[in-house]
Amino acid sequence: MVNFIKLFSGIYNGKRILITGDTGFKGSWLSLWLNEMGAEVYGYALPPKTEKDNYVVCKLNNIIKHEDGDIRDRDHLLNYFKEVNPHIAFHLAAQPLVLDSYNSPHYTYETNLMGTVNFFEAVRISPKIKAAVNITSDKCYENNEWIWGYRENDPMGGKDPYSSSKGCSELITSSYISSFFTDSECNIASVRAGNVIGAGDWSENRVVPDFFRAFIDKQTLKIRNPSATRPWQHVLESLGGYLLLAAKLYNDPSLSGGWNFGPKEEMNYKVYELIKLLQGHSPGISIEYSDDITTKEAGLLKLDISKAVFKLKWQPVLSFEDTVKLTADGYISDFTGKDALQNRIDAIHKYLITAIDRYISWFK
């Protein structure tokens, strides 16, 4: 059995951790993992969107302390930081969808840019905080559709409003590090992950949630851009990287800056390959593929994770098949009415045991 309290040298046990966006998919998984490690978890976010959301089905409102709030509301956020006085903070509150950014560009930029500014302003007034991590996206890079992975020192960019907003969030982070945190006791980092999947995600216009919506409703799943290649990874892979970085960042200012936490090179698969594996775990669903898309999305996107591998000794744990199975098992478990929180905890435990079996131990 894995002793959760001792993970990452026990640094999270007893610490006050503030997470913006705790009601979201990744934020809710991060909250429950931190809770299992003995942290006092505080969340600030908009209310969950649906009753199926991970935050709701895991009943996290009974486990962590949460404040309903909009990341654009600077005064509210600053007051909450003053109340909590956190030791570590993670910023995940955002407008996270490419297609939604075409429909609501103003909201996307306002949330993803000024939300980042508000987060760092709140960090600046927090006397106890020693590490703050801004979670952005692999889409923050200027995408040239080339065959090799983007490195942390490659230019920021983005052709769609969402991607460019994440590039801007990275530039804001860099500016705040240089302007306000160079001689500070708080160390700052930003992190970019691949296309994260896992149980409890019910966002619109994402391939895995769309797949299981069609599975439940017995409808035909319409897949746009099936030949697009993405760096697929289970949510626990990226969160493990975030937690490792923040644990080390707490005492090491040399780790400030940007980091990639993506899958291995061979984990870049096409959308239709992901769908085929999902069908193996959830048979009977009808698929309709189409390359006729009305909005521009990246066709090829990869991350170079060399920096995290060599400087943090981090590495991915799961194969593509493992990733899809763990994801499908989580969704199907929820459909059968099993305890969602226990399912997530079991998934984390299984993930860590798999790592140990493969002689991977960066979380110790």
Protein backbone atom coordinates (compact mmCIF):
# COMPACT_ATOMS: atom_id res chain seq x y z
CA MET A 1 0.00 0.00 0.00
CA VAL A 2 1.11 3.56 -0.72
CA ASN A 3 1.38 5.92 2.24
CA PHE A 4 -0.17 9.09 0.84
CA ILE A 5 1.03 11.27 3.71
CA LYS A 6 4.67 10.52 2.88
CA LEU A 7 4.40 11.28 -0.85
CA PHE A 8 6.74 14.01 -2.08
CA SER A 9 8.73 13.74 1.16
CA GLY A 10 5.58 14.63 3.13
CA ILE A 11 5.80 18.29 2.16
CA TYR A 12 2.03 18.70 1.63
CA ASN A 13 0.99 17.25 4.98
CA GLY A 14 -0.49 20.04 7.10
CA LYS A 15 0.12 22.76 4.50
CA ARG A 16 -2.61 25.19 3.46
CA ILE A 17 -2.99 24.82 -0.30
CA LEU A 18 -5.15 27.21 -2.32
CA ILE A 19 -6.42 26.08 -5.73
CA THR A 20 -8.22 28.38 -8.14
CA GLY A 21 -10.50 26.37 -10.39
CA ASP A 22 -11.03 23.55 -7.89
CA THR A 23 -14.48 22.79 -9.31
CA GLY A 24 -13.01 22.04 -12.74
CA PHE A 25 -11.84 18.68 -14.01
CA LYS A 26 -8.12 18.93 -13.20
CA GLY A 27 -8.67 21.16 -10.17
CA SER A 28 -11.01 18.64 -8.55
CA TRP A 29 -8.58 15.73 -9.09
CA LEU A 30 -5.75 17.87 -7.68
CA SER A 31 -7.88 18.80 -4.66
CA LEU A 32 -8.70 15.22 -3.72
CA TRP A 33 -5.09 14.05 -4.21
CA LEU A 34 -3.83 16.86 -1.95
CA ASN A 35 -6.50 16.04 0.62
CA GLU A 36 -5.32 12.43 0.72
CA MET A 37 -1.79 13.72 1.43
CA GLY A 38 -2.96 15.58 4.53
CA ALA A 39 -3.11 19.08 3.06
CA GLU A 40 -5.68 21.68 4.10
CA VAL A 41 -7.23 22.35 0.70
CA TYR A 42 -8.97 25.64 -0.10
CA GLY A 43 -10.69 26.23 -3.42
CA TYR A 44 -11.83 29.36 -5.25
CA ALA A 45 -13.91 28.92 -8.40
CA LEU A 46 -17.24 29.26 -10.12
CA PRO A 47 -19.82 26.64 -9.10
CA PRO A 48 -19.72 23.31 -11.00
CA LYS A 49 -21.54 23.36 -14.34
CA THR A 50 -23.35 20.02 -14.13
CA GLU A 51 -24.35 17.37 -11.61
CA LYS A 52 -22.03 14.91 -13.37
CA ASP A 53 -18.89 17.02 -12.83
CA ASN A 54 -16.06 15.40 -10.93
CA TYR A 55 -16.30 17.91 -8.07
CA VAL A 56 -19.98 17.05 -7.58
CA VAL A 57 -19.91 13.25 -7.90
CA CYS A 58 -16.91 13.06 -5.55
CA LYS A 59 -18.74 15.32 -3.04
CA LEU A 60 -15.66 17.45 -2.60
CA ASN A 61 -17.75 20.18 -0.96
CA ASN A 62 -17.78 17.89 2.11
CA ILE A 63 -14.01 17.39 2.05
CA ILE A 64 -12.32 20.68 1.17
CA LYS A 65 -13.09 24.31 1.96
CA HIS A 66 -14.49 26.10 -1.06
CA GLU A 67 -15.38 29.70 -1.93
CA ASP A 68 -17.64 30.47 -4.89
CA GLY A 69 -15.91 33.23 -6.82
CA ASP A 70 -14.99 34.54 -10.26
CA ILE A 71 -11.26 34.76 -11.02
CA ARG A 72 -11.98 38.12 -12.69
CA ASP A 73 -13.14 39.55 -9.34
CA ARG A 74 -9.82 40.87 -8.06
CA ASP A 75 -11.01 42.15 -4.67
CA HIS A 76 -12.86 38.94 -3.84
CA LEU A 77 -9.84 36.83 -4.75
CA LEU A 78 -7.40 38.99 -2.78
CA ASN A 79 -9.64 38.88 0.28
CA TYR A 80 -9.85 35.10 0.06
CA PHE A 81 -6.06 34.79 -0.15
CA LYS A 82 -5.79 37.02 2.92
CA GLU A 83 -8.26 34.80 4.77
CA VAL A 84 -6.54 31.53 3.86
CA ASN A 85 -2.92 32.76 3.95
CA PRO A 86 -1.74 29.73 1.93
CA HIS A 87 1.68 28.09 1.85
CA ILE A 88 1.33 26.95 -1.78
CA ALA A 89 -1.08 28.00 -4.55
CA PHE A 90 -2.09 26.44 -7.87
CA HIS A 91 -3.85 28.50 -10.53
CA LEU A 92 -6.22 26.46 -12.70
CA ALA A 93 -9.23 28.79 -13.04
CA ALA A 94 -9.66 29.51 -16.75
CA GLN A 95 -11.82 29.34 -19.84
CA PRO A 96 -10.35 26.02 -21.02
CA LEU A 97 -11.90 25.27 -24.43
CA VAL A 98 -10.72 26.18 -27.93
CA LEU A 99 -14.17 26.19 -29.55
CA ASP A 100 -15.70 28.26 -26.74
CA SER A 101 -12.97 30.84 -27.29
CA TYR A 102 -14.28 31.44 -30.83
CA ASN A 103 -17.77 32.02 -29.46
CA SER A 104 -16.67 34.16 -26.50
CA PRO A 105 -13.26 35.71 -27.21
CA HIS A 106 -13.74 38.64 -24.82
CA TYR A 107 -14.64 36.36 -21.91
CA THR A 108 -11.73 34.04 -22.79
CA TYR A 109 -9.15 36.83 -22.77
CA GLU A 110 -10.62 38.54 -19.73
CA THR A 111 -10.58 35.28 -17.77
CA ASN A 112 -7.28 33.84 -18.93
CA LEU A 113 -5.25 37.07 -18.93
CA MET A 114 -6.65 39.17 -16.11
CA GLY A 115 -7.36 36.04 -14.12
CA THR A 116 -3.63 35.30 -14.22
CA VAL A 117 -2.81 38.88 -13.19
CA ASN A 118 -5.29 38.69 -10.30
CA PHE A 119 -3.79 35.38 -9.17
CA PHE A 120 -0.27 36.78 -9.00
CA GLU A 121 -1.47 39.96 -7.31
CA ALA A 122 -3.06 37.74 -4.65
CA VAL A 123 0.17 35.74 -4.32
CA ARG A 124 2.11 38.97 -3.79
CA ILE A 125 0.09 39.89 -0.69
CA SER A 126 0.35 36.42 0.90
CA PRO A 127 3.16 36.41 3.49
CA LYS A 128 3.32 32.64 4.05
CA ILE A 129 3.34 31.50 0.45
CA LYS A 130 6.54 29.83 -0.78
CA ALA A 131 5.49 28.36 -4.15
CA ALA A 132 2.88 29.28 -6.76
CA VAL A 133 2.22 27.39 -9.98
CA ASN A 134 0.26 28.68 -12.97
CA ILE A 135 -1.26 25.85 -15.03
CA THR A 136 -1.57 26.86 -18.68
CA SER A 137 -1.63 24.56 -21.74
CA ASP A 138 0.47 22.88 -24.41
CA LYS A 139 -1.38 25.16 -26.83
CA CYS A 140 0.49 28.20 -25.47
CA TYR A 141 3.26 27.68 -28.02
CA GLU A 142 3.36 29.24 -31.49
CA ASN A 143 2.34 26.09 -33.35
CA ASN A 144 4.24 25.54 -36.59
CA GLU A 145 2.84 22.01 -37.05
CA TRP A 146 6.35 20.60 -36.97
CA ILE A 147 7.18 17.01 -36.08
CA TRP A 148 9.27 17.57 -32.96
CA GLY A 149 8.11 18.62 -29.52
CA TYR A 150 8.01 22.21 -28.30
CA ARG A 151 10.55 23.14 -25.64
CA GLU A 152 10.08 25.58 -22.79
CA ASN A 153 12.17 28.23 -24.53
CA ASP A 154 10.18 28.14 -27.78
CA PRO A 155 8.07 31.22 -28.64
CA MET A 156 4.61 31.67 -27.19
CA GLY A 157 1.74 32.19 -29.62
CA GLY A 158 -1.56 30.67 -30.73
CA LYS A 159 -3.83 31.24 -33.71
CA ASP A 160 -7.15 30.80 -31.91
CA PRO A 161 -8.27 32.98 -28.96
CA TYR A 162 -7.84 30.18 -26.41
CA SER A 163 -4.31 29.27 -27.46
CA SER A 164 -3.17 32.87 -27.70
CA SER A 165 -4.70 33.61 -24.28
CA LYS A 166 -2.60 30.81 -22.80
CA GLY A 167 0.49 32.17 -24.53
CA CYS A 168 -0.31 35.55 -22.96
CA SER A 169 -0.75 33.91 -19.55
CA GLU A 170 2.77 32.51 -19.91
CA LEU A 171 4.14 35.95 -20.79
CA ILE A 172 2.38 37.43 -17.76
CA THR A 173 3.94 34.75 -15.57
CA SER A 174 7.41 35.49 -16.93
CA SER A 175 6.92 39.20 -16.39
CA TYR A 176 5.78 38.76 -12.79
CA ILE A 177 8.76 36.52 -12.04
CA SER A 178 11.17 39.17 -13.38
CA SER A 179 9.34 42.17 -11.94
CA PHE A 180 8.19 41.02 -8.51
CA PHE A 181 9.50 37.58 -7.51
CA THR A 182 13.23 37.61 -8.31
CA ASP A 183 14.17 38.45 -4.72
CA SER A 184 10.97 37.12 -3.17
CA GLU A 185 10.58 34.23 -0.74
CA CYS A 186 7.91 32.86 -3.10
CA ASN A 187 9.06 30.91 -6.14
CA ILE A 188 6.94 30.93 -9.31
CA ALA A 189 6.51 28.40 -12.12
CA SER A 190 4.19 27.76 -15.04
CA VAL A 191 3.33 24.31 -16.35
CA ARG A 192 2.08 23.01 -19.69
CA ALA A 193 0.54 19.56 -20.11
CA GLY A 194 -0.73 17.55 -23.04
CA ASN A 195 -4.32 16.60 -23.86
CA VAL A 196 -5.42 15.40 -20.45
CA ILE A 197 -8.14 12.76 -20.12
CA GLY A 198 -9.73 10.93 -17.19
CA ALA A 199 -12.99 10.16 -15.45
CA GLY A 200 -15.16 13.05 -14.31
CA ASP A 201 -14.59 15.35 -17.28
CA TRP A 202 -17.88 16.40 -18.89
CA SER A 203 -16.73 19.50 -20.76
CA GLU A 204 -18.38 20.27 -24.08
CA ASN A 205 -16.48 19.69 -27.31
CA ARG A 206 -13.87 17.37 -25.85
CA VAL A 207 -13.49 14.01 -27.49
CA VAL A 208 -13.59 11.74 -24.41
CA PRO A 209 -16.61 13.41 -22.72
CA ASP A 210 -18.33 13.50 -26.12
CA PHE A 211 -17.65 9.77 -26.51
CA PHE A 212 -19.24 8.86 -23.19
CA ARG A 213 -22.18 11.21 -23.71
CA ALA A 214 -22.90 9.36 -26.94
CA PHE A 215 -22.38 6.05 -25.14
CA ILE A 216 -24.94 6.92 -22.45
CA ASP A 217 -27.47 8.43 -24.86
CA LYS A 218 -26.97 5.68 -27.47
CA GLN A 219 -26.32 8.28 -30.14
CA THR A 220 -23.88 8.46 -33.03
CA LEU A 221 -20.65 10.20 -32.06
CA LYS A 222 -19.56 12.75 -34.63
CA ILE A 223 -15.78 13.24 -34.62
CA ARG A 224 -14.22 16.27 -36.27
CA ASN A 225 -10.61 16.24 -37.39
CA PRO A 226 -10.01 12.51 -36.67
CA SER A 227 -6.47 12.63 -38.08
CA ALA A 228 -5.29 15.31 -35.65
CA THR A 229 -2.40 14.14 -33.47
CA ARG A 230 -2.41 14.99 -29.77
CA PRO A 231 -0.16 14.32 -26.76
CA TRP A 232 -2.72 12.24 -24.81
CA GLN A 233 -2.07 11.65 -21.11
CA HIS A 234 -4.07 10.66 -18.06
CA VAL A 235 -4.87 13.50 -15.67
CA LEU A 236 -2.73 11.87 -12.96
CA GLU A 237 0.38 12.13 -15.14
CA SER A 238 0.16 15.91 -15.38
CA LEU A 239 -0.93 16.38 -11.76
CA GLY A 240 1.96 14.26 -10.55
CA GLY A 241 4.32 16.57 -12.41
CA TYR A 242 2.67 19.68 -10.94
CA LEU A 243 2.88 18.27 -7.42
CA LEU A 244 6.51 17.24 -7.82
CA LEU A 245 7.49 20.65 -9.18
CA ALA A 246 5.66 22.59 -6.45
CA ALA A 247 7.20 20.38 -3.74
CA LYS A 248 10.71 21.11 -5.03
CA LEU A 249 9.95 24.72 -5.94
CA TYR A 250 8.98 25.34 -2.31
CA ASN A 251 12.67 25.46 -1.34
CA ASP A 252 14.45 25.95 -4.67
CA PRO A 253 14.14 29.24 -6.58
CA SER A 254 16.29 27.88 -9.42
CA LEU A 255 13.26 25.88 -10.56
CA SER A 256 11.21 29.01 -11.32
CA GLY A 257 10.00 29.34 -14.89
CA GLY A 258 8.21 27.18 -17.44
CA TRP A 259 7.90 23.37 -17.50
CA ASN A 260 6.38 20.79 -19.84
CA PHE A 261 4.71 17.67 -18.45
CA GLY A 262 3.61 15.70 -21.47
CA PRO A 263 3.63 12.07 -22.57
CA LYS A 264 6.52 10.18 -24.10
CA GLU A 265 7.17 10.63 -27.82
CA GLU A 266 5.34 7.44 -28.72
CA MET A 267 2.21 8.62 -26.88
CA ASN A 268 1.26 11.08 -29.62
CA TYR A 269 -1.69 9.34 -31.25
CA LYS A 270 -4.38 10.44 -33.67
CA VAL A 271 -7.93 11.12 -32.53
CA TYR A 272 -9.32 8.10 -34.36
CA GLU A 273 -6.76 5.84 -32.63
CA LEU A 274 -7.99 7.05 -29.25
CA ILE A 275 -11.58 6.38 -30.30
CA LYS A 276 -10.78 2.83 -31.40
CA LEU A 277 -9.27 2.02 -28.01
CA LEU A 278 -12.21 3.58 -26.18
CA GLN A 279 -14.58 1.44 -28.26
CA GLY A 280 -12.76 -1.64 -27.01
CA HIS A 281 -13.79 -0.74 -23.44
CA SER A 282 -17.23 0.65 -24.33
CA PRO A 283 -18.52 -1.34 -27.34
CA GLY A 284 -21.62 -0.65 -29.35
CA ILE A 285 -21.19 3.05 -30.05
CA SER A 286 -21.57 4.29 -33.62
CA ILE A 287 -18.93 6.71 -34.93
CA GLU A 288 -19.14 9.23 -37.76
CA TYR A 289 -15.87 10.84 -38.81
CA SER A 290 -15.54 14.16 -40.62
CA ASP A 291 -12.60 16.34 -41.64
CA ASP A 292 -14.92 19.22 -42.51
CA ILE A 293 -14.33 21.64 -39.65
CA THR A 294 -15.38 25.27 -39.54
CA THR A 295 -12.87 26.47 -36.94
CA LYS A 296 -9.10 26.20 -37.03
CA GLU A 297 -7.51 23.72 -34.64
CA ALA A 298 -3.95 22.41 -34.52
CA GLY A 299 -3.36 19.27 -36.57
CA LEU A 300 -0.07 18.25 -34.95
CA LEU A 301 1.13 19.15 -31.46
CA LYS A 302 3.91 17.64 -29.34
CA LEU A 303 5.74 18.57 -26.14
CA ASP A 304 9.41 18.06 -25.34
CA ILE A 305 9.63 16.89 -21.71
CA SER A 306 13.44 16.67 -21.49
CA LYS A 307 13.69 19.45 -18.93
CA ALA A 308 11.35 17.74 -16.44
CA VAL A 309 13.00 14.35 -17.04
CA PHE A 310 16.55 15.57 -16.44
CA LYS A 311 16.05 18.31 -13.84
CA LEU A 312 13.19 16.83 -11.79
CA LYS A 313 13.75 13.14 -12.58
CA TRP A 314 10.07 13.03 -13.53
CA GLN A 315 8.77 10.70 -16.20
CA PRO A 316 5.38 9.45 -17.42
CA VAL A 317 4.15 6.20 -15.91
CA LEU A 318 1.35 4.95 -18.17
CA SER A 319 1.27 3.57 -21.69
CA PHE A 320 -1.38 4.78 -24.13
CA GLU A 321 -3.35 1.59 -23.50
CA ASP A 322 -3.06 2.09 -19.71
CA THR A 323 -4.23 5.67 -20.07
CA VAL A 324 -7.32 4.78 -22.06
CA LYS A 325 -8.23 1.84 -19.81
CA LEU A 326 -7.90 3.86 -16.59
CA THR A 327 -10.04 6.58 -18.14
CA ALA A 328 -12.75 4.23 -19.43
CA ASP A 329 -12.85 2.25 -16.17
CA GLY A 330 -13.46 5.48 -14.24
CA TYR A 331 -16.36 6.58 -16.43
CA ILE A 332 -17.97 3.14 -16.44
CA SER A 333 -17.62 2.89 -12.65
CA ASP A 334 -19.51 6.17 -12.31
CA PHE A 335 -22.27 4.86 -14.61
CA THR A 336 -22.77 1.84 -12.36
CA GLY A 337 -23.30 4.01 -9.30
CA LYS A 338 -20.11 3.14 -7.44
CA ASP A 339 -18.58 5.62 -4.99
CA ALA A 340 -16.84 8.15 -7.24
CA LEU A 341 -14.48 9.54 -4.58
CA GLN A 342 -13.26 6.07 -3.65
CA ASN A 343 -12.86 5.28 -7.34
CA ARG A 344 -10.60 8.32 -7.80
CA ILE A 345 -8.53 7.47 -4.72
CA ASP A 346 -8.18 3.89 -5.95
CA ALA A 347 -7.09 5.22 -9.35
CA ILE A 348 -4.33 7.33 -7.75
CA HIS A 349 -3.22 4.32 -5.71
CA LYS A 350 -3.20 2.10 -8.81
CA TYR A 351 -1.24 4.75 -10.71
CA LEU A 352 1.44 4.93 -8.01
CA ILE A 353 1.66 1.14 -7.67
CA THR A 354 2.10 0.89 -11.43
CA ALA A 355 4.94 3.40 -11.18
CA ILE A 356 6.64 1.38 -8.43
CA ASP A 357 6.27 -1.81 -10.45
CA ARG A 358 8.02 -0.01 -13.34
CA TYR A 359 10.82 1.26 -11.06
CA ILE A 360 9.60 4.86 -11.20
CA SER A 361 9.80 6.69 -7.88
CA TRP A 362 9.84 10.47 -8.44
CA PHE A 363 6.89 10.91 -6.03
CA LYS A 364 8.74 9.56 -2.98
